[in-house]
Protein backbone atom coordinates (compact mmCIF):
# COMPACT_ATOMS: atom_id res chain seq x y z
CA MET A 1 43.38 -12.14 49.42
CA THR A 2 40.01 -12.28 47.91
CA THR A 3 39.11 -11.16 44.45
CA THR A 4 35.81 -9.43 43.82
CA LEU A 5 34.42 -10.17 40.43
CA PRO A 6 32.27 -7.61 38.63
CA PRO A 7 28.59 -8.46 38.55
CA ALA A 8 27.53 -10.57 35.62
CA PRO A 9 25.61 -8.71 32.94
CA ASP A 10 21.85 -9.10 33.08
CA THR A 11 20.90 -11.17 30.08
CA SER A 12 17.31 -11.68 31.05
CA ILE A 13 14.56 -10.27 28.87
CA THR A 14 12.17 -7.92 30.57
CA LEU A 15 8.77 -7.90 28.97
CA PRO A 16 6.77 -4.70 29.02
CA ALA A 17 4.06 -4.52 31.60
CA ALA A 18 0.45 -4.68 30.59
CA GLY A 19 -0.58 -1.54 28.73
CA GLN A 20 3.02 -0.63 27.85
CA THR A 21 4.64 -0.81 24.42
CA ARG A 22 8.16 -1.71 23.52
CA PRO A 23 10.19 1.41 22.77
CA ALA A 24 10.72 1.91 19.04
CA ALA A 25 14.12 1.33 17.53
CA PRO A 26 16.01 4.54 16.79
CA VAL A 27 15.37 5.82 13.29
CA HIS A 28 18.13 7.45 11.27
CA VAL A 29 17.08 10.95 10.25
CA ARG A 30 18.97 12.70 7.49
CA PRO A 31 20.46 16.01 8.55
CA VAL A 32 18.68 19.11 7.30
CA VAL A 33 20.86 21.22 5.00
CA ARG A 34 20.63 24.96 5.66
CA PHE A 35 22.09 26.48 2.52
CA ARG A 36 22.49 30.01 3.87
CA SER A 37 24.46 28.87 6.91
CA SER A 38 26.61 26.25 5.16
CA ARG A 39 29.88 27.87 4.16
CA PRO A 40 31.10 24.90 2.05
CA ASP A 41 27.82 24.86 0.11
CA LEU A 42 27.94 28.60 -0.49
CA LEU A 43 31.54 28.54 -1.70
CA LEU A 44 30.98 25.55 -3.95
CA CYS A 45 27.71 26.82 -5.40
CA PHE A 46 28.91 30.31 -6.25
CA GLY A 47 32.25 29.05 -7.54
CA LEU A 48 30.43 26.80 -9.99
CA LEU A 49 28.02 29.63 -10.82
CA ALA A 50 30.92 31.85 -11.91
CA ALA A 51 32.14 29.16 -14.32
CA ILE A 52 28.63 28.61 -15.70
CA LEU A 53 28.00 32.31 -16.31
CA LEU A 54 31.39 32.67 -18.00
CA VAL A 55 30.59 29.90 -20.48
CA GLN A 56 27.00 30.99 -21.08
CA GLY A 57 27.87 34.67 -21.40
CA TRP A 58 30.83 34.28 -23.73
CA ASN A 59 29.82 35.18 -27.33
CA ILE A 60 26.17 35.38 -26.22
CA THR A 61 25.13 38.04 -28.76
CA HIS A 62 26.66 36.14 -31.69
CA PHE A 63 25.36 32.61 -31.16
CA PRO A 64 22.85 31.08 -31.71
CA THR A 65 21.11 32.79 -34.63
CA LEU A 66 18.43 35.28 -33.62
CA SER A 67 14.99 33.72 -33.75
CA ASP A 68 11.61 35.22 -34.60
CA ASP A 69 10.23 34.00 -31.25
CA GLU A 70 12.87 35.95 -29.35
CA GLY A 71 12.03 39.08 -31.28
CA THR A 72 8.30 38.59 -30.71
CA TYR A 73 8.62 38.31 -26.93
CA LEU A 74 10.92 41.33 -26.78
CA ALA A 75 8.65 43.40 -29.05
CA GLN A 76 5.68 42.54 -26.83
CA ALA A 77 7.73 43.57 -23.79
CA TRP A 78 8.50 46.86 -25.56
CA ALA A 79 4.77 47.43 -26.12
CA VAL A 80 4.14 46.89 -22.39
CA GLN A 81 6.87 49.41 -21.54
CA GLN A 82 5.43 51.96 -23.97
CA GLY A 83 1.94 51.56 -22.54
CA ASP A 84 0.62 50.36 -25.91
CA GLY A 85 -1.06 47.25 -24.53
CA LEU A 86 0.05 43.65 -24.09
CA ALA A 87 1.54 43.24 -27.58
CA HIS A 88 2.96 45.30 -30.42
CA TYR A 89 -0.04 44.19 -32.50
CA THR A 90 -3.46 42.88 -31.50
CA TYR A 91 -3.03 40.61 -28.46
CA TRP A 92 -4.86 37.40 -29.32
CA TYR A 93 -4.20 35.23 -26.24
CA ASP A 94 -1.50 33.10 -27.87
CA HIS A 95 0.29 32.92 -24.49
CA PRO A 96 -0.38 34.45 -21.07
CA PRO A 97 1.28 37.90 -21.01
CA LEU A 98 3.10 37.51 -17.70
CA GLY A 99 6.23 36.15 -19.44
CA TRP A 100 7.00 39.24 -21.50
CA ILE A 101 5.88 41.53 -18.68
CA GLN A 102 8.81 40.04 -16.74
CA ILE A 103 11.06 40.53 -19.76
CA ALA A 104 10.02 44.19 -19.82
CA ALA A 105 11.21 44.47 -16.22
CA LEU A 106 14.66 43.12 -17.20
CA THR A 107 15.44 45.38 -20.15
CA TRP A 108 17.45 47.80 -18.01
CA LEU A 109 20.38 45.38 -17.88
CA PRO A 110 21.24 45.23 -21.63
CA SER A 111 21.06 49.02 -21.89
CA LEU A 112 23.82 49.21 -19.30
CA ILE A 113 26.04 46.49 -20.73
CA ALA A 114 25.74 46.86 -24.51
CA PRO A 115 23.54 49.79 -25.57
CA GLU A 116 24.98 49.85 -29.09
CA THR A 117 24.16 46.25 -30.05
CA MET A 118 21.01 44.92 -31.69
CA ALA A 119 17.91 44.92 -29.48
CA VAL A 120 17.32 41.16 -29.37
CA ALA A 121 21.00 40.23 -29.15
CA SER A 122 21.74 42.60 -26.28
CA MET A 123 18.65 41.50 -24.38
CA ARG A 124 20.22 38.07 -24.08
CA PHE A 125 22.42 39.46 -21.32
CA ALA A 126 19.30 39.66 -19.16
CA MET A 127 18.82 35.93 -19.61
CA LEU A 128 22.07 35.41 -17.69
CA LEU A 129 20.22 36.56 -14.57
CA VAL A 130 17.57 33.94 -15.21
CA SER A 131 20.22 31.25 -15.82
CA ALA A 132 22.03 32.21 -12.61
CA ALA A 133 18.84 32.02 -10.57
CA CYS A 134 17.96 28.62 -12.08
CA ALA A 135 21.43 27.20 -11.36
CA VAL A 136 21.41 28.31 -7.71
CA LEU A 137 17.85 27.09 -7.18
CA LEU A 138 18.79 23.72 -8.67
CA TYR A 139 21.69 23.36 -6.22
CA VAL A 140 19.45 24.31 -3.30
CA LEU A 141 16.79 21.84 -4.43
CA ALA A 142 19.33 19.04 -4.78
CA ARG A 143 20.55 19.61 -1.23
CA ARG A 144 17.00 19.81 0.12
CA LEU A 145 16.30 16.49 -1.55
CA PHE A 146 19.24 15.08 0.47
CA LEU A 147 21.74 14.66 -2.37
CA PRO A 148 25.33 14.81 -1.12
CA ARG A 149 27.29 17.96 -1.84
CA TRP A 150 29.22 16.44 -4.74
CA ALA A 151 25.99 15.23 -6.40
CA ALA A 152 24.37 18.66 -6.04
CA ALA A 153 27.44 20.19 -7.67
CA LEU A 154 27.24 17.60 -10.44
CA ALA A 155 23.59 18.47 -11.08
CA MET A 156 24.47 22.16 -11.29
CA LEU A 157 27.30 21.49 -13.77
CA LEU A 158 25.15 19.19 -15.89
CA PHE A 159 22.46 21.84 -16.07
CA GLY A 160 24.71 24.84 -16.65
CA LEU A 161 27.42 23.51 -18.96
CA SER A 162 25.60 21.06 -21.19
CA PRO A 163 25.85 22.39 -24.78
CA LEU A 164 22.08 22.04 -25.02
CA SER A 165 21.66 24.32 -22.01
CA VAL A 166 24.31 26.79 -23.14
CA VAL A 167 22.54 27.31 -26.48
CA LEU A 168 18.91 27.36 -25.31
CA GLN A 169 19.32 29.25 -22.05
CA ARG A 170 20.90 32.17 -23.91
CA GLU A 171 17.75 32.76 -25.92
CA ILE A 172 14.84 34.97 -24.86
CA PHE A 173 12.32 32.17 -24.40
CA LEU A 174 9.42 32.17 -21.99
CA ASP A 175 10.34 28.59 -21.07
CA ASN A 176 13.55 29.75 -19.38
CA ILE A 177 11.68 32.16 -17.10
CA ALA A 178 8.93 29.62 -16.39
CA VAL A 179 11.54 27.04 -15.33
CA MET A 180 13.01 29.52 -12.84
CA TRP A 181 9.64 29.91 -11.12
CA MET A 182 8.97 26.17 -11.12
CA LEU A 183 12.37 25.46 -9.52
CA LEU A 184 11.51 28.02 -6.85
CA ALA A 185 8.20 26.21 -6.28
CA PHE A 186 10.02 22.88 -5.84
CA CYS A 187 12.50 24.46 -3.41
CA LEU A 188 9.64 25.83 -1.33
CA ALA A 189 7.76 22.53 -1.49
CA ALA A 190 10.86 20.74 -0.13
CA SER A 191 11.54 23.37 2.53
CA PRO A 192 13.15 21.79 5.61
CA SER A 193 11.26 24.25 7.83
CA ARG A 194 7.91 22.85 6.63
CA HIS A 195 6.18 26.15 7.30
CA LEU A 196 2.70 26.38 5.84
CA TRP A 197 3.53 29.71 4.22
CA HIS A 198 6.37 28.00 2.32
CA HIS A 199 3.87 25.63 0.74
CA PHE A 200 1.45 28.47 0.10
CA ALA A 201 4.30 30.35 -1.60
CA ALA A 202 5.10 27.22 -3.63
CA GLY A 203 1.57 27.40 -5.04
CA LEU A 204 2.07 31.06 -5.92
CA ALA A 205 5.39 30.33 -7.64
CA ALA A 206 3.84 27.43 -9.56
CA ALA A 207 0.99 29.65 -10.77
CA THR A 208 3.53 32.27 -11.88
CA SER A 209 5.38 29.57 -13.80
CA VAL A 210 2.21 28.42 -15.58
CA LEU A 211 1.20 32.00 -16.40
CA THR A 212 4.66 32.53 -17.83
CA LYS A 213 4.44 29.46 -20.09
CA GLU A 214 1.21 27.50 -19.94
CA THR A 215 2.82 24.16 -20.82
CA MET A 216 4.31 24.03 -17.30
CA LEU A 217 0.83 23.00 -16.19
CA VAL A 218 1.71 19.32 -16.78
CA VAL A 219 4.49 19.55 -14.15
CA LEU A 220 2.13 20.41 -11.27
CA PRO A 221 1.35 16.77 -10.26
CA ALA A 222 5.07 16.17 -9.66
CA LEU A 223 5.22 19.32 -7.53
CA LEU A 224 2.39 17.97 -5.38
CA VAL A 225 4.25 14.67 -4.97
CA THR A 226 7.30 16.56 -3.68
CA MET A 227 5.18 18.64 -1.32
CA TRP A 228 3.37 15.56 -0.02
CA ARG A 229 6.62 13.76 0.74
CA HIS A 230 8.30 16.72 2.43
CA SER A 231 5.42 18.23 4.40
CA HIS A 232 4.78 17.29 8.02
CA CYS A 233 2.18 14.56 8.46
CA ASP A 234 0.23 16.66 10.97
CA THR A 235 -0.13 19.64 8.60
CA ARG A 236 0.07 17.89 5.23
CA LYS A 237 -3.56 18.36 4.29
CA TYR A 238 -3.37 22.08 5.11
CA ALA A 239 -0.12 22.47 3.17
CA VAL A 240 -1.42 20.78 0.02
CA THR A 241 -4.81 22.50 0.22
CA GLY A 242 -3.19 25.90 0.69
CA ALA A 243 -0.80 25.37 -2.23
CA ILE A 244 -3.58 24.24 -4.56
CA THR A 245 -5.79 27.16 -3.51
CA ALA A 246 -3.01 29.71 -4.04
CA CYS A 247 -2.14 28.27 -7.44
CA ALA A 248 -5.77 28.18 -8.58
CA LEU A 249 -6.59 31.70 -7.41
CA ILE A 250 -3.61 33.24 -9.20
CA GLY A 251 -4.17 31.11 -12.30
CA LEU A 252 -7.81 32.16 -12.56
CA GLY A 253 -6.67 35.75 -12.95
CA TYR A 254 -5.92 35.06 -16.62
CA PRO A 255 -9.43 33.97 -17.70
CA LEU A 256 -10.86 36.66 -15.42
CA TYR A 257 -8.91 39.29 -17.36
CA ALA A 258 -10.32 37.92 -20.61
CA LEU A 259 -13.84 37.90 -19.17
CA LEU A 260 -13.63 41.51 -17.99
CA ASN A 261 -12.48 42.52 -21.48
CA ASN A 262 -15.35 40.58 -23.07
CA GLU A 263 -12.74 38.36 -24.72
CA LEU A 264 -13.28 35.05 -22.97
CA PHE A 265 -15.70 33.55 -25.49
CA PRO A 266 -15.53 33.73 -29.30
CA GLY A 267 -17.55 36.42 -31.02
CA PRO A 268 -17.56 38.73 -34.02
CA GLY A 269 -15.10 41.57 -34.12
CA HIS A 270 -12.79 40.52 -31.28
CA VAL A 271 -10.24 37.94 -30.22
CA SER A 272 -10.94 35.49 -27.41
CA LEU A 273 -9.15 33.28 -24.93
CA ILE A 274 -11.17 30.27 -26.10
CA ASP A 275 -10.04 30.89 -29.70
CA GLY A 276 -6.42 31.14 -28.56
CA ILE A 277 -6.63 27.87 -26.63
CA THR A 278 -8.40 26.19 -29.56
CA TYR A 279 -5.64 27.30 -31.91
CA GLN A 280 -2.87 26.07 -29.64
CA MET A 281 -4.56 22.72 -29.01
CA GLY A 282 -5.45 22.28 -32.67
CA ARG A 283 -2.05 23.04 -34.20
CA ALA A 284 -0.93 20.58 -36.81
CA GLY A 285 1.11 17.85 -35.16
CA SER A 286 4.75 17.37 -35.99
CA GLY A 287 4.53 13.58 -35.85
CA SER A 288 6.20 11.00 -33.65
CA ILE A 289 9.79 11.29 -32.55
CA PHE A 290 10.17 7.62 -33.59
CA ASP A 291 9.26 8.43 -37.21
CA ALA A 292 12.46 9.41 -39.01
CA SER A 293 10.53 11.54 -41.51
CA SER A 294 8.62 13.61 -38.94
CA GLY A 295 9.33 17.10 -37.66
CA SER A 296 9.36 15.84 -34.06
CA HIS A 297 12.13 13.39 -34.92
CA GLY A 298 14.11 16.24 -36.45
CA VAL A 299 13.68 18.32 -33.29
CA PHE A 300 14.74 15.39 -31.12
CA GLN A 301 17.82 14.82 -33.27
CA SER A 302 18.70 18.52 -33.00
CA TRP A 303 18.75 18.12 -29.21
CA LEU A 304 21.00 15.09 -29.46
CA TYR A 305 23.25 16.94 -31.92
CA TYR A 306 24.28 19.28 -29.11
CA ASP A 307 24.27 16.80 -26.25
CA ARG A 308 23.38 13.16 -25.72
CA VAL A 309 24.55 12.96 -22.12
CA LEU A 310 21.92 15.10 -20.43
CA PRO A 311 18.77 14.00 -22.34
CA LEU A 312 19.53 10.29 -22.57
CA GLY A 313 21.39 10.06 -19.26
CA GLY A 314 18.62 12.00 -17.52
CA LEU A 315 15.96 9.68 -18.93
CA ALA A 316 17.98 6.69 -17.73
CA GLY A 317 18.41 8.29 -14.31
CA ALA A 318 14.68 8.96 -14.02
CA ALA A 319 13.88 5.37 -15.00
CA LEU A 320 16.38 4.05 -12.44
CA LEU A 321 14.92 6.18 -9.66
CA LEU A 322 11.30 5.34 -10.45
CA LEU A 323 12.06 1.62 -10.65
CA THR A 324 13.87 1.63 -7.29
CA LEU A 325 11.39 3.72 -5.30
CA ARG A 326 10.66 0.78 -3.01
CA TRP A 327 14.27 0.14 -2.01
CA SER A 328 16.20 3.37 -2.48
CA VAL A 329 16.04 6.33 -0.11
CA THR A 330 17.53 8.54 -2.82
CA ALA A 331 14.85 7.44 -5.28
CA ARG A 332 12.07 8.31 -2.85
CA ALA A 333 13.58 11.72 -2.18
CA LEU A 334 13.83 12.44 -5.92
CA ALA A 335 10.41 11.05 -6.83
CA GLY A 336 9.12 14.51 -7.79
CA PRO A 337 11.87 15.47 -10.27
CA ALA A 338 11.87 11.93 -11.71
CA LEU A 339 8.12 12.21 -12.27
CA VAL A 340 8.64 15.56 -14.05
CA VAL A 341 11.02 13.88 -16.50
CA ALA A 342 8.60 11.00 -17.04
CA ILE A 343 5.63 13.31 -17.68
CA LEU A 344 7.51 15.58 -20.08
CA ALA A 345 8.92 12.55 -21.92
CA LEU A 346 5.46 11.03 -22.36
CA VAL A 347 4.08 14.33 -23.65
CA ALA A 348 6.96 14.62 -26.13
CA MET A 349 6.40 11.05 -27.37
CA ARG A 350 2.69 11.43 -28.13
CA PRO A 351 2.32 10.65 -31.84
CA SER A 352 -0.03 13.47 -32.85
CA GLY A 353 1.28 16.44 -30.87
CA TYR A 354 3.35 19.46 -31.80
CA LEU A 355 6.94 19.44 -30.48
CA PRO A 356 8.70 22.84 -30.50
CA ALA A 357 12.47 23.08 -30.31
CA MET A 358 12.39 24.93 -26.97
CA TYR A 359 10.26 22.25 -25.27
CA VAL A 360 13.32 20.51 -23.79
CA ILE A 361 14.14 23.64 -21.75
CA GLN A 362 11.40 22.69 -19.29
CA ALA A 363 13.08 19.34 -18.64
CA LEU A 364 16.74 20.41 -18.44
CA PRO A 365 17.07 21.07 -14.68
CA PHE A 366 15.09 17.96 -13.77
CA LEU A 367 17.12 15.83 -16.18
CA ALA A 368 20.26 17.14 -14.46
CA ILE A 369 19.07 16.44 -10.92
CA VAL A 370 17.85 12.90 -11.65
CA LEU A 371 21.06 12.09 -13.55
CA ALA A 372 23.07 13.31 -10.57
CA GLY A 373 20.72 11.37 -8.28
CA GLY A 374 21.25 8.22 -10.33
CA ALA A 375 25.01 8.72 -10.05
CA ALA A 376 24.64 9.14 -6.28
CA SER A 377 22.64 5.91 -6.06
CA VAL A 378 25.31 4.00 -7.98
CA ALA A 379 28.07 5.51 -5.84
CA HIS A 380 26.19 4.57 -2.67
CA ALA A 381 25.75 0.99 -3.88
CA ILE A 382 29.49 0.70 -4.51
CA LEU A 383 30.79 2.50 -1.43
CA ARG A 384 28.35 1.45 1.27
CA ARG A 385 29.62 -0.71 4.10
CA GLU A 386 28.27 -4.01 2.85
CA GLY A 387 29.59 -3.29 -0.61
CA THR A 388 28.06 -4.22 -3.92
CA PRO A 389 25.77 -7.22 -4.51
CA PHE A 390 28.83 -8.99 -5.88
CA GLY A 391 30.62 -8.17 -2.63
CA ARG A 392 27.86 -9.73 -0.56
CA VAL A 393 27.99 -12.90 -2.65
CA LEU A 394 31.77 -12.94 -2.21
CA LYS A 395 31.38 -12.60 1.55
CA ARG A 396 28.96 -15.51 1.74
CA ARG A 397 31.32 -17.76 -0.22
CA THR A 398 34.68 -16.68 1.12
CA GLY A 399 33.78 -15.02 4.40
CA SER A 400 35.56 -11.77 3.47
CA MET A 401 34.32 -8.37 2.36
CA VAL A 402 35.51 -6.38 -0.66
CA PRO A 403 38.25 -4.13 0.79
CA PRO A 404 37.40 -0.41 0.96
CA VAL A 405 40.33 0.43 -1.32
CA VAL A 406 38.82 -1.75 -4.04
CA ARG A 407 35.39 -0.15 -3.69
CA HIS A 408 36.87 3.35 -3.85
CA GLY A 409 39.00 2.30 -6.80
CA VAL A 410 35.95 1.08 -8.71
CA ALA A 411 34.10 4.33 -7.97
CA GLY A 412 37.09 6.36 -9.08
CA LEU A 413 37.44 4.43 -12.34
CA LEU A 414 33.76 4.95 -13.13
CA ALA A 415 34.07 8.68 -12.47
CA VAL A 416 37.16 8.98 -14.68
CA ALA A 417 35.49 6.98 -17.48
CA ALA A 418 32.39 9.22 -17.33
CA ALA A 419 34.50 12.38 -17.43
CA ALA A 420 36.58 11.01 -20.31
CA TYR A 421 33.38 10.51 -22.32
CA VAL A 422 31.55 13.72 -21.38
CA VAL A 423 34.29 16.38 -21.49
CA PRO A 424 35.38 15.90 -25.15
CA HIS A 425 31.78 15.77 -26.35
CA TRP A 426 30.84 18.88 -24.43
CA TYR A 427 33.94 20.69 -25.65
CA THR A 428 32.91 19.98 -29.22
CA GLY A 429 29.29 20.93 -28.56
CA ASN A 430 30.17 24.23 -26.86
CA ARG A 431 32.88 25.26 -29.32
CA ASP A 432 30.42 26.84 -31.79
CA ALA A 433 28.60 28.65 -28.99
CA LEU A 434 31.87 30.22 -27.85
CA THR A 435 33.41 31.08 -31.24
CA VAL A 436 30.90 31.29 -34.12
CA ASP A 437 29.31 34.58 -35.18
CA ALA A 438 25.95 33.47 -36.57
CA ASN A 439 24.31 36.91 -36.40
CA ALA A 440 26.61 38.92 -38.67
CA PRO A 441 24.01 38.88 -41.53
CA TYR A 442 21.33 40.27 -39.20
CA ARG A 443 23.61 43.05 -37.97
CA ALA A 444 24.56 43.95 -41.54
CA ALA A 445 20.91 44.02 -42.63
CA ALA A 446 19.95 46.27 -39.70
CA SER A 447 22.82 48.61 -40.53
CA TRP A 448 21.76 48.78 -44.20
CA MET A 449 18.17 49.63 -43.32
CA GLN A 450 19.42 52.32 -40.95
CA ASN A 451 21.90 53.97 -43.30
CA GLU A 452 20.61 53.41 -46.84
CA VAL A 453 16.92 54.24 -46.49
CA THR A 454 16.63 58.03 -46.56
CA ASP A 455 13.10 58.41 -45.18
CA PRO A 456 12.35 55.59 -42.74
CA ALA A 457 9.31 57.36 -41.30
CA SER A 458 7.41 56.96 -44.62
CA THR A 459 8.87 53.58 -45.66
CA ARG A 460 6.97 50.31 -45.24
CA VAL A 461 9.00 47.15 -44.68
CA LEU A 462 8.04 43.52 -44.13
CA VAL A 463 10.43 42.05 -41.60
CA ASP A 464 10.63 39.25 -39.05
CA ASP A 465 10.46 40.10 -35.37
CA ALA A 466 14.18 39.50 -34.87
CA LEU A 467 14.75 42.85 -36.66
CA TRP A 468 11.43 44.59 -35.97
CA LEU A 469 12.49 46.43 -32.82
CA ASP A 470 15.76 47.60 -34.39
CA LEU A 471 13.83 49.23 -37.23
CA VAL A 472 11.46 50.89 -34.77
CA HIS A 473 14.43 52.35 -32.91
CA ASP A 474 15.75 53.64 -36.26
CA GLY A 475 12.60 55.64 -37.00
CA TYR A 476 10.29 53.25 -38.84
CA LYS A 477 6.68 53.51 -37.68
CA PRO A 478 5.83 50.58 -35.40
CA GLY A 479 3.08 48.41 -36.80
CA THR A 480 2.53 50.15 -40.14
CA GLY A 481 6.06 51.11 -41.22
CA ALA A 482 8.00 48.20 -39.76
CA ILE A 483 5.53 45.36 -40.26
CA TRP A 484 5.93 41.94 -38.70
CA PHE A 485 5.42 39.86 -41.83
CA TYR A 486 2.74 37.58 -40.37
CA LYS A 487 0.48 40.56 -39.73
CA ALA A 488 0.43 41.60 -43.39
CA ASP A 489 -1.94 38.67 -43.95
CA LEU A 490 -3.35 37.74 -40.54
CA ASP A 491 -4.10 40.96 -38.64
CA PRO A 492 -7.10 43.02 -39.88
CA ALA A 493 -5.66 46.10 -38.17
CA VAL A 494 -2.71 45.91 -40.58
CA THR A 495 -4.36 44.59 -43.72
CA LYS A 496 -6.83 47.50 -43.74
CA THR A 497 -3.84 49.85 -44.11
CA MET A 498 -2.80 47.88 -47.22
CA PRO A 499 -5.77 48.25 -49.61
CA ARG A 500 -3.55 47.26 -52.57
CA GLY A 501 -1.88 44.43 -50.72
CA TRP A 502 1.80 43.92 -51.45
CA ARG A 503 1.86 47.00 -53.74
CA ASP A 504 1.60 49.23 -50.67
CA LEU A 505 4.99 47.97 -49.44
CA ASP A 506 8.50 49.18 -50.25
CA TYR A 507 10.87 46.49 -48.97
CA VAL A 508 10.84 42.99 -47.61
CA VAL A 509 13.74 41.76 -45.49
CA SER A 510 13.87 38.12 -46.51
CA SER A 511 15.21 35.98 -43.68
CA PRO A 512 15.01 32.16 -43.44
CA THR A 513 11.84 32.51 -41.32
CA VAL A 514 10.16 34.80 -43.87
CA ARG A 515 11.00 32.51 -46.79
CA ARG A 516 9.85 29.41 -44.94
CA ASP A 517 6.45 30.74 -43.85
CA ALA A 518 5.64 32.80 -46.94
CA VAL A 519 4.06 29.72 -48.54
CA ASP A 520 0.91 30.20 -46.44
CA LEU A 521 0.88 34.02 -46.50
CA PRO A 522 -0.36 35.45 -49.84
CA ASN A 523 0.81 39.06 -49.36
CA VAL A 524 4.25 37.99 -48.16
CA LYS A 525 4.60 35.46 -50.97
CA ALA A 526 3.61 38.06 -53.58
CA ALA A 527 6.03 40.61 -52.08
CA LEU A 528 8.89 38.14 -52.46
CA GLU A 529 7.88 37.25 -56.03
CA HIS A 530 7.60 40.90 -57.12
CA SER A 531 10.83 42.14 -55.57
CA LYS A 532 14.52 42.17 -56.40
CA PRO A 533 17.44 41.94 -53.96
CA VAL A 534 19.35 45.18 -53.44
CA ALA A 535 21.61 43.77 -50.72
CA VAL A 536 22.45 40.24 -49.61
CA PHE A 537 24.26 39.34 -46.40
CA GLY A 538 25.54 35.84 -45.74
CA ASP A 539 25.04 32.91 -48.03
CA GLY A 540 23.10 29.70 -48.35
CA GLU A 541 19.89 29.09 -46.45
CA ASP A 542 20.92 31.47 -43.66
CA ARG A 543 21.33 34.51 -45.90
CA ILE A 544 19.44 37.77 -45.29
CA GLU A 545 18.18 39.53 -48.41
CA ILE A 546 16.89 43.10 -48.54
CA ARG A 547 14.50 43.12 -51.49
CA ARG A 548 13.04 46.23 -53.17
CA ILE A 549 9.42 45.64 -54.15
CA ALA A 550 8.66 46.48 -57.78
CA GLY A 551 5.42 48.43 -58.21
CA GLY A 552 5.51 50.02 -54.75
CA ASP A 553 4.64 53.68 -54.22
CA ARG A 554 8.20 54.78 -53.46
């Protein structure tokens, strides 16, 4: 009996013939995530969204305290709705008007939910729609930037449940709406389809973001980085050119509007876009955040008072990603968001600039995604097949790998330790937002002005914009009866109706904002000095005083 052996394997090396090339080694391509067709992603995203909206919506009309900026944007939106122009007073190009035009389009929601509440407080319900859109867009962006599902969920939770986000995203700030459009631009720039119209639409969304809040202009280089990395090499130049063209054409509509109204350049008897830009660029700086006595340092500390995890952890995550761009696939995918954080941080740290409290809103979603990306990089380093650097050293010396159970145990311990630190701090930070009623004095003051003044149509009141629209709804004449206190000194259209200055006024509603800024406003300062309180609501620095002006006509 003979045995037939199988043929020996061919171990010879066959060289390619002349003119041929060796076939390339297979390249691992990350799977494209299609959010709409991924049932696990949809369930996870919208489950987390429900929790975020519950936390952000709870007690939304009571905390935080109403701000003059919120009232200003809503009053300007009211003027647009009424057909009275782009502002409730003379529009002087302080910001592009697209932001409060969008707010005007959202005012239907509060009237359905809480028609009896104060105008500014009830309008906060509309901001929940903006928060929801931002949270979903952030999840989509994280998945398009190849973060694993758990990391995308982590980014969404960091963004939606951070006490800093819960407080600031409730407020009617242009920054919140601008961030929504910029997140949409990033999602389109990272589109897995790589259609040219997606990149063109990204340029349109970016222009809308900048026209909503002009400070988003500094984020555009990071958007181009994301588009460059995620566009197809064959059509990259068309994609980037189309996006830049779309953004520029829409953005030029703002100066074109000013030019057509003969308000582009300074001149006698009218406002101008150049004057508005000059004012914004020339505002007195608030100092360096590293100077403990500066206003910028105080603003920075107020952010850290609510949450240290997202700002500091996000900065650390951005630094980690930018430093590991050469070696980490995750870092290269998240280069755009990491660059956003770096740019915004550098702008905030300039020693002579002005740092407003709402500035951090622009960074919140990008801080969340780079922090989640940093966590994903660390998890990958621990759980990957070859293990940690320590594991590779151990293998070289002992010939054995770190067992998978040990690697998973280390990852689990790190996750538990992070949760043990974050959850108690966030519980403390969110407790006030969910329980404190900071707006009771404002509601009481609005009720007093509604019920105790017998003839509102002929009464003139200095008030901050947080209450202005409530008084207008109660019958006070907009602009000349209910007077935004700044305009009593700064707007010629108002001052000409006050030939005797403060003596032509009847009341001043003295809020913390009015008392703080009256130092530089002669009519307001005199009205406070020549008035006596007839009703006081609240106590301490947050009190609201209704003061009757002595020497007024009525």
